Amino acid sequence: MILPTKHIPQNEALIGVGATVLAHLSGPMTVSGLWERLRSERNVGTFERFVLATNLLFLIGAVDIRDGLITRRDT
């Protein structure tokens, strides 16, 4: 579910959902604001998948959360 497999396409795996999240994260945003922007994206689907993808991005160091805002990390 995290990585694509023979039965899970790249855009539906969490890493693909994370790529969609990063593409829509142009500047610091609240989590609810980011969800409102992404809720109509087909591959994001549910709020649960959005949260899992966001957590994955945080764990790998792609995003950071400060003062209630989620931002991209420049590394």
Foldseek 3Di string as FASTA:
>chain_A
DQQDDPPRDRCQHLCNVLVVLVVQQPAWDAPVVSCVVCCPPPSCPDVVSVVVSVVVCVVVQQWDADPRIIHGDDD
